Amino acid sequence: MRELNPVWVSATQYSGSWNAYGAVSSTGTPTSGIPQYRYVTKEWHEDQGAVDRNNELIAAVGAQQVLLWEAARACANKIRALYGAAALRSYQSENDPNGYGLDEIPEGTEMPWGAPVERTEGCGEATFNFVVKDFLWGEAEFLFQRGTSFEVVSKFQDSAGVWRIHLREVDG
């Protein structure tokens, strides 16, 4: 998956001492060599677009299954009518002897083709959210006046594996 390179974002948004933000190497390499985009591997359930598409496909397959049950009941009922058997209907209960299929698949039902899912956080995103929201935000109440607001300017993991998070105070 292609995403903005946070190192590029950091290097192009700050002025002053680039070295403090890891945008220039210790040898003085210019920031122009930093690629604007990078490719990352994410699990499908960490990508909201993929999650939405998965849920659309599951809903479409479920709708087709309901139509298939309806058509099967209609065919079976024509045959059953020839010899006087009771007509089939969608299940009214688990023990319904004339039940076949459903009129509607209840939301969240696990079917052989899967069930709808929600997007999950990747390891880096979960770590960032813990550090910023749970730890720093909780500690910030002791360091700043209540009501002080911040926005995340950038977040990235540098080449040494250290997470860099840049916050800016904003008018609340």
N, C-alpha and C. Protein backbone atom coordinates (compact mmCIF):
# COMPACT_ATOMS: atom_id res chain seq x y z
N MET A 1 0.85 -1.16 0.00
CA MET A 1 0.00 0.00 0.00
C MET A 1 0.90 1.23 0.00
N ARG A 2 0.57 2.20 -0.81
CA ARG A 2 1.35 3.42 -0.92
C ARG A 2 0.79 4.45 0.05
N GLU A 3 1.69 5.09 0.83
CA GLU A 3 1.27 6.13 1.75
C GLU A 3 2.33 7.22 1.80
N LEU A 4 1.96 8.38 2.30
CA LEU A 4 2.91 9.48 2.44
C LEU A 4 4.04 9.05 3.37
N ASN A 5 5.25 9.39 3.02
CA ASN A 5 6.41 9.07 3.84
C ASN A 5 6.48 10.09 4.97
N PRO A 6 6.33 9.68 6.23
CA PRO A 6 6.34 10.64 7.33
C PRO A 6 7.66 11.39 7.47
N VAL A 7 8.76 10.78 7.05
CA VAL A 7 10.04 11.47 7.10
C VAL A 7 10.03 12.63 6.11
N TRP A 8 9.47 12.42 4.92
CA TRP A 8 9.35 13.49 3.93
C TRP A 8 8.46 14.60 4.47
N VAL A 9 7.32 14.22 5.09
CA VAL A 9 6.40 15.21 5.66
C VAL A 9 7.12 16.04 6.70
N SER A 10 7.85 15.38 7.59
CA SER A 10 8.58 16.08 8.64
C SER A 10 9.63 17.01 8.05
N ALA A 11 10.36 16.55 7.06
CA ALA A 11 11.44 17.34 6.47
C ALA A 11 10.91 18.55 5.72
N THR A 12 9.72 18.46 5.15
CA THR A 12 9.20 19.58 4.37
C THR A 12 8.37 20.53 5.20
N GLN A 13 8.03 20.18 6.43
CA GLN A 13 7.19 21.05 7.25
C GLN A 13 7.96 21.84 8.29
N TYR A 14 9.18 21.49 8.57
CA TYR A 14 9.94 22.17 9.61
C TYR A 14 11.05 23.00 9.03
N SER A 15 11.32 24.11 9.68
CA SER A 15 12.48 24.91 9.33
C SER A 15 13.38 24.95 10.55
N GLY A 16 14.60 25.35 10.38
CA GLY A 16 15.51 25.40 11.51
C GLY A 16 16.41 24.20 11.50
N SER A 17 16.63 23.63 12.66
CA SER A 17 17.56 22.52 12.80
C SER A 17 16.93 21.23 12.32
N TRP A 18 17.22 20.87 11.08
CA TRP A 18 16.68 19.63 10.52
C TRP A 18 17.20 18.42 11.26
N ASN A 19 18.41 18.49 11.70
CA ASN A 19 19.01 17.35 12.36
C ASN A 19 18.22 16.95 13.61
N ALA A 20 17.61 17.91 14.27
CA ALA A 20 16.83 17.61 15.48
C ALA A 20 15.64 16.72 15.17
N TYR A 21 15.17 16.76 13.93
CA TYR A 21 14.01 15.96 13.57
C TYR A 21 14.38 14.73 12.76
N GLY A 22 15.65 14.47 12.58
CA GLY A 22 16.08 13.29 11.86
C GLY A 22 15.92 13.41 10.35
N ALA A 23 15.73 14.63 9.84
CA ALA A 23 15.50 14.81 8.41
C ALA A 23 16.80 14.86 7.62
N VAL A 24 17.89 15.16 8.29
CA VAL A 24 19.20 15.20 7.63
C VAL A 24 20.09 14.22 8.37
N SER A 25 20.81 13.43 7.65
CA SER A 25 21.69 12.48 8.31
C SER A 25 22.84 13.21 8.97
N SER A 26 23.59 12.52 9.81
CA SER A 26 24.71 13.14 10.51
C SER A 26 25.80 13.57 9.53
N THR A 27 25.76 13.07 8.30
CA THR A 27 26.74 13.47 7.30
C THR A 27 26.26 14.68 6.52
N GLY A 28 25.06 15.20 6.82
CA GLY A 28 24.56 16.39 6.15
C GLY A 28 23.88 16.12 4.82
N THR A 29 23.36 14.93 4.60
CA THR A 29 22.67 14.59 3.36
C THR A 29 21.43 15.48 3.22
N PRO A 30 21.22 16.12 2.07
CA PRO A 30 20.05 17.00 1.91
C PRO A 30 18.74 16.21 1.91
N THR A 31 17.67 16.91 2.27
CA THR A 31 16.35 16.28 2.36
C THR A 31 15.73 16.02 0.99
N SER A 32 16.28 16.56 -0.07
CA SER A 32 15.69 16.37 -1.40
C SER A 32 15.72 14.91 -1.85
N GLY A 33 16.56 14.10 -1.24
CA GLY A 33 16.64 12.69 -1.61
C GLY A 33 15.62 11.82 -0.91
N ILE A 34 14.81 12.40 -0.04
CA ILE A 34 13.81 11.62 0.71
C ILE A 34 12.59 11.42 -0.18
N PRO A 35 12.18 10.18 -0.41
CA PRO A 35 11.00 9.95 -1.27
C PRO A 35 9.72 10.45 -0.59
N GLN A 36 8.81 11.01 -1.40
CA GLN A 36 7.56 11.54 -0.87
C GLN A 36 6.61 10.41 -0.42
N TYR A 37 6.67 9.28 -1.10
CA TYR A 37 5.79 8.16 -0.75
C TYR A 37 6.63 6.94 -0.40
N ARG A 38 6.03 6.07 0.39
CA ARG A 38 6.67 4.80 0.70
C ARG A 38 5.61 3.71 0.58
N TYR A 39 6.09 2.50 0.44
CA TYR A 39 5.19 1.36 0.33
C TYR A 39 5.27 0.56 1.62
N VAL A 40 4.12 0.29 2.20
CA VAL A 40 4.06 -0.48 3.44
C VAL A 40 3.13 -1.66 3.24
N THR A 41 3.37 -2.69 4.02
CA THR A 41 2.51 -3.86 3.98
C THR A 41 1.59 -3.80 5.19
N LYS A 42 0.31 -3.85 4.93
CA LYS A 42 -0.67 -3.86 6.00
C LYS A 42 -1.55 -5.09 5.81
N GLU A 43 -2.06 -5.59 6.89
CA GLU A 43 -3.06 -6.64 6.82
C GLU A 43 -4.33 -6.03 6.22
N TRP A 44 -5.12 -6.81 5.52
CA TRP A 44 -6.29 -6.27 4.85
C TRP A 44 -7.26 -5.62 5.83
N HIS A 45 -7.35 -6.15 7.05
CA HIS A 45 -8.32 -5.62 8.01
C HIS A 45 -7.84 -4.34 8.68
N GLU A 46 -6.62 -3.86 8.33
CA GLU A 46 -6.12 -2.59 8.83
C GLU A 46 -6.39 -1.47 7.82
N ASP A 47 -6.90 -1.81 6.64
CA ASP A 47 -7.16 -0.86 5.57
C ASP A 47 -8.67 -0.67 5.45
N GLN A 48 -9.16 0.53 5.74
CA GLN A 48 -10.60 0.77 5.76
C GLN A 48 -11.24 0.48 4.40
N GLY A 49 -10.57 0.78 3.31
CA GLY A 49 -11.12 0.49 1.98
C GLY A 49 -11.33 -1.00 1.77
N ALA A 50 -10.35 -1.80 2.19
CA ALA A 50 -10.46 -3.26 2.05
C ALA A 50 -11.55 -3.80 2.96
N VAL A 51 -11.66 -3.26 4.17
CA VAL A 51 -12.71 -3.70 5.10
C VAL A 51 -14.09 -3.39 4.52
N ASP A 52 -14.24 -2.17 3.98
CA ASP A 52 -15.53 -1.79 3.39
C ASP A 52 -15.88 -2.70 2.21
N ARG A 53 -14.89 -2.99 1.36
CA ARG A 53 -15.14 -3.87 0.20
C ARG A 53 -15.51 -5.28 0.67
N ASN A 54 -14.81 -5.78 1.67
CA ASN A 54 -15.12 -7.10 2.24
C ASN A 54 -16.57 -7.14 2.73
N ASN A 55 -16.97 -6.12 3.46
CA ASN A 55 -18.32 -6.09 4.01
C ASN A 55 -19.37 -5.97 2.90
N GLU A 56 -19.06 -5.21 1.84
CA GLU A 56 -19.97 -5.12 0.69
C GLU A 56 -20.14 -6.49 0.03
N LEU A 57 -19.04 -7.19 -0.17
CA LEU A 57 -19.10 -8.51 -0.80
C LEU A 57 -19.88 -9.51 0.06
N ILE A 58 -19.66 -9.49 1.35
CA ILE A 58 -20.38 -10.40 2.25
C ILE A 58 -21.87 -10.10 2.21
N ALA A 59 -22.24 -8.82 2.20
CA ALA A 59 -23.66 -8.45 2.13
C ALA A 59 -24.26 -8.90 0.79
N ALA A 60 -23.51 -8.74 -0.30
CA ALA A 60 -24.01 -9.15 -1.62
C ALA A 60 -24.20 -10.66 -1.69
N VAL A 61 -23.26 -11.42 -1.17
CA VAL A 61 -23.38 -12.88 -1.17
C VAL A 61 -24.56 -13.30 -0.30
N GLY A 62 -24.72 -12.63 0.85
CA GLY A 62 -25.85 -12.94 1.73
C GLY A 62 -27.18 -12.66 1.05
N ALA A 63 -27.27 -11.56 0.31
CA ALA A 63 -28.51 -11.23 -0.42
C ALA A 63 -28.80 -12.28 -1.48
N GLN A 64 -27.77 -12.74 -2.17
CA GLN A 64 -27.96 -13.78 -3.19
C GLN A 64 -28.39 -15.10 -2.56
N GLN A 65 -27.87 -15.40 -1.37
CA GLN A 65 -28.25 -16.62 -0.68
C GLN A 65 -29.73 -16.58 -0.30
N VAL A 66 -30.21 -15.43 0.16
CA VAL A 66 -31.63 -15.28 0.51
C VAL A 66 -32.50 -15.50 -0.73
N LEU A 67 -32.06 -14.93 -1.88
CA LEU A 67 -32.81 -15.13 -3.13
C LEU A 67 -32.79 -16.60 -3.56
N LEU A 68 -31.67 -17.28 -3.36
CA LEU A 68 -31.57 -18.69 -3.70
C LEU A 68 -32.53 -19.52 -2.85
N TRP A 69 -32.58 -19.23 -1.54
CA TRP A 69 -33.51 -19.96 -0.66
C TRP A 69 -34.96 -19.71 -1.11
N GLU A 70 -35.26 -18.47 -1.47
CA GLU A 70 -36.61 -18.12 -1.91
C GLU A 70 -36.98 -18.89 -3.19
N ALA A 71 -36.07 -18.95 -4.15
CA ALA A 71 -36.32 -19.68 -5.40
C ALA A 71 -36.44 -21.18 -5.12
N ALA A 72 -35.62 -21.72 -4.25
CA ALA A 72 -35.69 -23.15 -3.92
C ALA A 72 -37.02 -23.49 -3.26
N ARG A 73 -37.48 -22.60 -2.37
CA ARG A 73 -38.78 -22.85 -1.72
C ARG A 73 -39.91 -22.81 -2.75
N ALA A 74 -39.83 -21.85 -3.68
CA ALA A 74 -40.88 -21.74 -4.71
C ALA A 74 -40.93 -23.01 -5.56
N CYS A 75 -39.77 -23.51 -5.98
CA CYS A 75 -39.73 -24.75 -6.78
C CYS A 75 -40.24 -25.94 -5.97
N ALA A 76 -39.74 -26.05 -4.76
CA ALA A 76 -40.13 -27.18 -3.91
C ALA A 76 -41.64 -27.15 -3.62
N ASN A 77 -42.18 -25.97 -3.43
CA ASN A 77 -43.62 -25.86 -3.12
C ASN A 77 -44.49 -26.27 -4.31
N LYS A 78 -44.02 -26.02 -5.52
CA LYS A 78 -44.78 -26.46 -6.70
C LYS A 78 -44.80 -27.99 -6.77
N ILE A 79 -43.67 -28.59 -6.47
CA ILE A 79 -43.60 -30.06 -6.47
C ILE A 79 -44.41 -30.63 -5.32
N ARG A 80 -44.28 -30.03 -4.13
CA ARG A 80 -44.99 -30.53 -2.94
C ARG A 80 -46.51 -30.39 -3.12
N ALA A 81 -46.93 -29.36 -3.85
CA ALA A 81 -48.38 -29.17 -4.07
C ALA A 81 -48.97 -30.31 -4.90
N LEU A 82 -48.15 -30.95 -5.74
CA LEU A 82 -48.64 -32.05 -6.58
C LEU A 82 -49.09 -33.24 -5.75
N TYR A 83 -48.45 -33.45 -4.61
CA TYR A 83 -48.86 -34.59 -3.79
C TYR A 83 -49.44 -34.17 -2.44
N GLY A 84 -49.82 -32.88 -2.31
CA GLY A 84 -50.55 -32.41 -1.14
C GLY A 84 -49.71 -32.18 0.10
N ALA A 85 -48.43 -32.03 -0.04
CA ALA A 85 -47.58 -31.76 1.14
C ALA A 85 -47.68 -30.29 1.53
N ALA A 86 -47.40 -30.04 2.80
CA ALA A 86 -47.41 -28.65 3.30
C ALA A 86 -46.32 -27.85 2.62
N ALA A 87 -46.62 -26.58 2.39
CA ALA A 87 -45.66 -25.69 1.72
C ALA A 87 -44.50 -25.35 2.66
N LEU A 88 -43.34 -25.19 2.05
CA LEU A 88 -42.17 -24.74 2.81
C LEU A 88 -42.22 -23.22 2.97
N ARG A 89 -41.61 -22.74 4.01
CA ARG A 89 -41.53 -21.29 4.27
C ARG A 89 -40.16 -21.02 4.90
N SER A 90 -39.82 -19.78 5.06
CA SER A 90 -38.55 -19.49 5.73
C SER A 90 -38.70 -19.92 7.19
N TYR A 91 -37.59 -20.27 7.79
CA TYR A 91 -37.62 -20.74 9.17
C TYR A 91 -38.29 -19.73 10.09
N GLN A 92 -39.23 -20.23 10.90
CA GLN A 92 -39.87 -19.41 11.93
C GLN A 92 -39.21 -19.66 13.28
N SER A 93 -38.61 -20.86 13.42
CA SER A 93 -37.89 -21.24 14.64
C SER A 93 -36.92 -22.36 14.27
N GLU A 94 -36.08 -22.75 15.20
CA GLU A 94 -35.11 -23.82 14.93
C GLU A 94 -35.79 -25.15 14.63
N ASN A 95 -36.93 -25.39 15.25
CA ASN A 95 -37.61 -26.68 15.10
C ASN A 95 -38.77 -26.63 14.11
N ASP A 96 -38.77 -25.68 13.21
CA ASP A 96 -39.85 -25.53 12.23
C ASP A 96 -39.72 -26.64 11.18
N PRO A 97 -40.64 -27.62 11.15
CA PRO A 97 -40.52 -28.73 10.20
C PRO A 97 -40.72 -28.31 8.75
N ASN A 98 -41.40 -27.18 8.51
CA ASN A 98 -41.62 -26.71 7.15
C ASN A 98 -40.71 -25.52 6.80
N GLY A 99 -39.72 -25.31 7.63
CA GLY A 99 -38.81 -24.19 7.39
C GLY A 99 -37.66 -24.56 6.46
N TYR A 100 -37.33 -23.64 5.57
CA TYR A 100 -36.18 -23.83 4.68
C TYR A 100 -35.62 -22.45 4.36
N GLY A 101 -34.40 -22.19 4.79
CA GLY A 101 -33.77 -20.90 4.52
C GLY A 101 -34.33 -19.78 5.37
N LEU A 102 -33.85 -18.59 5.12
CA LEU A 102 -34.27 -17.40 5.87
C LEU A 102 -34.78 -16.33 4.92
N ASP A 103 -35.61 -15.44 5.44
CA ASP A 103 -36.03 -14.26 4.67
C ASP A 103 -34.96 -13.18 4.72
N GLU A 104 -34.18 -13.20 5.79
CA GLU A 104 -33.14 -12.20 5.98
C GLU A 104 -32.07 -12.80 6.89
N ILE A 105 -30.83 -12.59 6.54
CA ILE A 105 -29.74 -13.09 7.39
C ILE A 105 -29.48 -12.04 8.47
N PRO A 106 -29.63 -12.41 9.74
CA PRO A 106 -29.41 -11.44 10.82
C PRO A 106 -28.00 -10.85 10.77
N GLU A 107 -27.90 -9.55 11.09
CA GLU A 107 -26.62 -8.86 11.07
C GLU A 107 -25.63 -9.53 12.03
N GLY A 108 -24.40 -9.71 11.57
CA GLY A 108 -23.36 -10.30 12.39
C GLY A 108 -23.34 -11.82 12.40
N THR A 109 -24.26 -12.46 11.66
CA THR A 109 -24.30 -13.91 11.63
C THR A 109 -23.09 -14.45 10.89
N GLU A 110 -22.39 -15.38 11.49
CA GLU A 110 -21.25 -16.02 10.83
C GLU A 110 -21.77 -17.01 9.80
N MET A 111 -21.43 -16.77 8.56
CA MET A 111 -21.84 -17.64 7.46
C MET A 111 -20.60 -18.32 6.90
N PRO A 112 -20.75 -19.36 6.10
CA PRO A 112 -19.57 -20.04 5.54
C PRO A 112 -18.65 -19.11 4.77
N TRP A 113 -19.19 -18.04 4.19
CA TRP A 113 -18.37 -17.11 3.42
C TRP A 113 -17.86 -15.96 4.27
N GLY A 114 -18.12 -15.98 5.58
CA GLY A 114 -17.57 -14.97 6.49
C GLY A 114 -18.64 -14.11 7.11
N ALA A 115 -18.19 -13.12 7.84
CA ALA A 115 -19.07 -12.16 8.50
C ALA A 115 -18.44 -10.78 8.38
N PRO A 116 -19.25 -9.73 8.47
CA PRO A 116 -18.69 -8.38 8.40
C PRO A 116 -17.65 -8.17 9.51
N VAL A 117 -16.66 -7.35 9.22
CA VAL A 117 -15.60 -7.06 10.19
C VAL A 117 -15.46 -5.55 10.33
N GLU A 118 -14.76 -5.14 11.38
CA GLU A 118 -14.40 -3.74 11.57
C GLU A 118 -12.90 -3.61 11.40
N ARG A 119 -12.46 -2.43 11.01
CA ARG A 119 -11.03 -2.19 10.82
C ARG A 119 -10.30 -2.32 12.16
N THR A 120 -9.14 -2.94 12.12
CA THR A 120 -8.31 -3.06 13.32
C THR A 120 -7.08 -2.19 13.16
N GLU A 121 -6.49 -1.85 14.29
CA GLU A 121 -5.27 -1.04 14.28
C GLU A 121 -4.06 -1.94 14.07
N GLY A 122 -3.11 -1.45 13.30
CA GLY A 122 -1.84 -2.13 13.18
C GLY A 122 -1.02 -1.92 14.44
N CYS A 123 0.08 -2.63 14.57
CA CYS A 123 0.92 -2.52 15.77
C CYS A 123 1.42 -1.10 15.97
N GLY A 124 1.93 -0.49 14.91
CA GLY A 124 2.45 0.88 15.02
C GLY A 124 1.37 1.87 15.39
N GLU A 125 0.21 1.73 14.77
CA GLU A 125 -0.91 2.64 15.05
C GLU A 125 -1.40 2.46 16.49
N ALA A 126 -1.50 1.22 16.94
CA ALA A 126 -1.94 0.95 18.32
C ALA A 126 -0.93 1.51 19.32
N THR A 127 0.36 1.35 19.02
CA THR A 127 1.39 1.89 19.91
C THR A 127 1.30 3.40 19.96
N PHE A 128 1.18 4.02 18.80
CA PHE A 128 1.07 5.48 18.74
C PHE A 128 -0.14 5.95 19.54
N ASN A 129 -1.29 5.33 19.34
CA ASN A 129 -2.50 5.74 20.04
C ASN A 129 -2.35 5.57 21.55
N PHE A 130 -1.68 4.49 21.97
CA PHE A 130 -1.45 4.30 23.41
C PHE A 130 -0.56 5.40 23.95
N VAL A 131 0.56 5.64 23.26
CA VAL A 131 1.52 6.63 23.76
C VAL A 131 0.91 8.01 23.79
N VAL A 132 0.29 8.43 22.70
CA VAL A 132 -0.22 9.79 22.62
C VAL A 132 -1.51 9.96 23.42
N LYS A 133 -2.50 9.12 23.14
CA LYS A 133 -3.81 9.32 23.76
C LYS A 133 -3.85 8.91 25.23
N ASP A 134 -3.30 7.75 25.53
CA ASP A 134 -3.41 7.24 26.89
C ASP A 134 -2.33 7.79 27.81
N PHE A 135 -1.08 7.75 27.35
CA PHE A 135 0.01 8.14 28.22
C PHE A 135 0.24 9.65 28.22
N LEU A 136 0.58 10.20 27.05
CA LEU A 136 0.91 11.63 26.98
C LEU A 136 -0.30 12.50 27.30
N TRP A 137 -1.45 12.17 26.74
CA TRP A 137 -2.63 12.99 27.00
C TRP A 137 -2.98 12.96 28.48
N GLY A 138 -2.87 11.80 29.11
CA GLY A 138 -3.13 11.71 30.54
C GLY A 138 -2.14 12.51 31.35
N GLU A 139 -0.85 12.44 30.98
CA GLU A 139 0.19 13.20 31.67
C GLU A 139 0.08 14.69 31.38
N ALA A 140 -0.41 15.04 30.20
CA ALA A 140 -0.48 16.44 29.80
C ALA A 140 -1.41 17.23 30.71
N GLU A 141 -2.38 16.57 31.30
CA GLU A 141 -3.29 17.27 32.21
C GLU A 141 -2.54 17.84 33.41
N PHE A 142 -1.41 17.22 33.79
CA PHE A 142 -0.62 17.73 34.90
C PHE A 142 0.36 18.80 34.44
N LEU A 143 0.74 18.77 33.16
CA LEU A 143 1.76 19.68 32.66
C LEU A 143 1.18 20.95 32.03
N PHE A 144 -0.05 20.87 31.53
CA PHE A 144 -0.65 22.00 30.84
C PHE A 144 -1.98 22.33 31.49
N GLN A 145 -2.40 23.56 31.26
CA GLN A 145 -3.69 23.99 31.76
C GLN A 145 -4.81 23.14 31.15
N ARG A 146 -5.82 22.82 31.94
CA ARG A 146 -6.94 22.05 31.42
C ARG A 146 -7.56 22.79 30.25
N GLY A 147 -7.87 22.06 29.19
CA GLY A 147 -8.44 22.66 27.99
C GLY A 147 -7.42 22.95 26.92
N THR A 148 -6.12 22.77 27.23
CA THR A 148 -5.08 22.97 26.21
C THR A 148 -5.24 21.88 25.16
N SER A 149 -5.22 22.28 23.90
CA SER A 149 -5.40 21.31 22.82
C SER A 149 -4.14 21.21 21.98
N PHE A 150 -3.90 20.03 21.46
CA PHE A 150 -2.75 19.78 20.61
C PHE A 150 -3.21 19.06 19.36
N GLU A 151 -2.44 19.21 18.31
CA GLU A 151 -2.67 18.42 17.11
C GLU A 151 -1.38 17.71 16.76
N VAL A 152 -1.51 16.54 16.17
CA VAL A 152 -0.34 15.78 15.75
C VAL A 152 0.11 16.35 14.41
N VAL A 153 1.33 16.86 14.38
CA VAL A 153 1.88 17.42 13.16
C VAL A 153 2.41 16.30 12.28
N SER A 154 3.13 15.37 12.89
CA SER A 154 3.62 14.21 12.14
C SER A 154 3.97 13.11 13.13
N LYS A 155 4.01 11.90 12.62
CA LYS A 155 4.43 10.74 13.40
C LYS A 155 5.14 9.80 12.45
N PHE A 156 6.28 9.28 12.85
CA PHE A 156 7.02 8.35 12.01
C PHE A 156 8.03 7.61 12.85
N GLN A 157 8.50 6.52 12.29
CA GLN A 157 9.53 5.73 12.93
C GLN A 157 10.81 5.97 12.12
N ASP A 158 11.85 6.47 12.79
CA ASP A 158 13.08 6.78 12.06
C ASP A 158 13.87 5.51 11.76
N SER A 159 14.99 5.68 11.06
CA SER A 159 15.76 4.53 10.61
C SER A 159 16.31 3.70 11.77
N ALA A 160 16.40 4.30 12.95
CA ALA A 160 16.88 3.57 14.13
C ALA A 160 15.74 2.86 14.85
N GLY A 161 14.51 3.04 14.35
CA GLY A 161 13.37 2.37 14.97
C GLY A 161 12.72 3.19 16.07
N VAL A 162 13.14 4.45 16.25
CA VAL A 162 12.59 5.31 17.30
C VAL A 162 11.39 6.06 16.74
N TRP A 163 10.29 6.03 17.49
CA TRP A 163 9.10 6.75 17.05
C TRP A 163 9.29 8.23 17.33
N ARG A 164 9.00 9.06 16.33
CA ARG A 164 9.07 10.52 16.44
C ARG A 164 7.65 11.05 16.30
N ILE A 165 7.20 11.76 17.31
CA ILE A 165 5.85 12.32 17.30
C ILE A 165 5.98 13.82 17.54
N HIS A 166 5.45 14.60 16.62
CA HIS A 166 5.56 16.05 16.72
C HIS A 166 4.16 16.62 16.95
N LEU A 167 4.00 17.32 18.08
CA LEU A 167 2.73 17.91 18.45
C LEU A 167 2.85 19.43 18.39
N ARG A 168 1.72 20.08 18.17
CA ARG A 168 1.68 21.54 18.16
C ARG A 168 0.46 21.95 18.97
N GLU A 169 0.65 22.95 19.85
CA GLU A 169 -0.47 23.47 20.63
C GLU A 169 -1.36 24.28 19.71
N VAL A 170 -2.66 24.08 19.82
CA VAL A 170 -3.61 24.82 19.00
C VAL A 170 -4.60 25.54 19.90
N ASP A 171 -5.18 26.59 19.35
CA ASP A 171 -6.19 27.32 20.12
C ASP A 171 -7.42 26.45 20.27
N GLY A 172 -7.86 26.26 21.51
CA GLY A 172 -8.99 25.38 21.77
C GLY A 172 -10.25 26.09 21.67
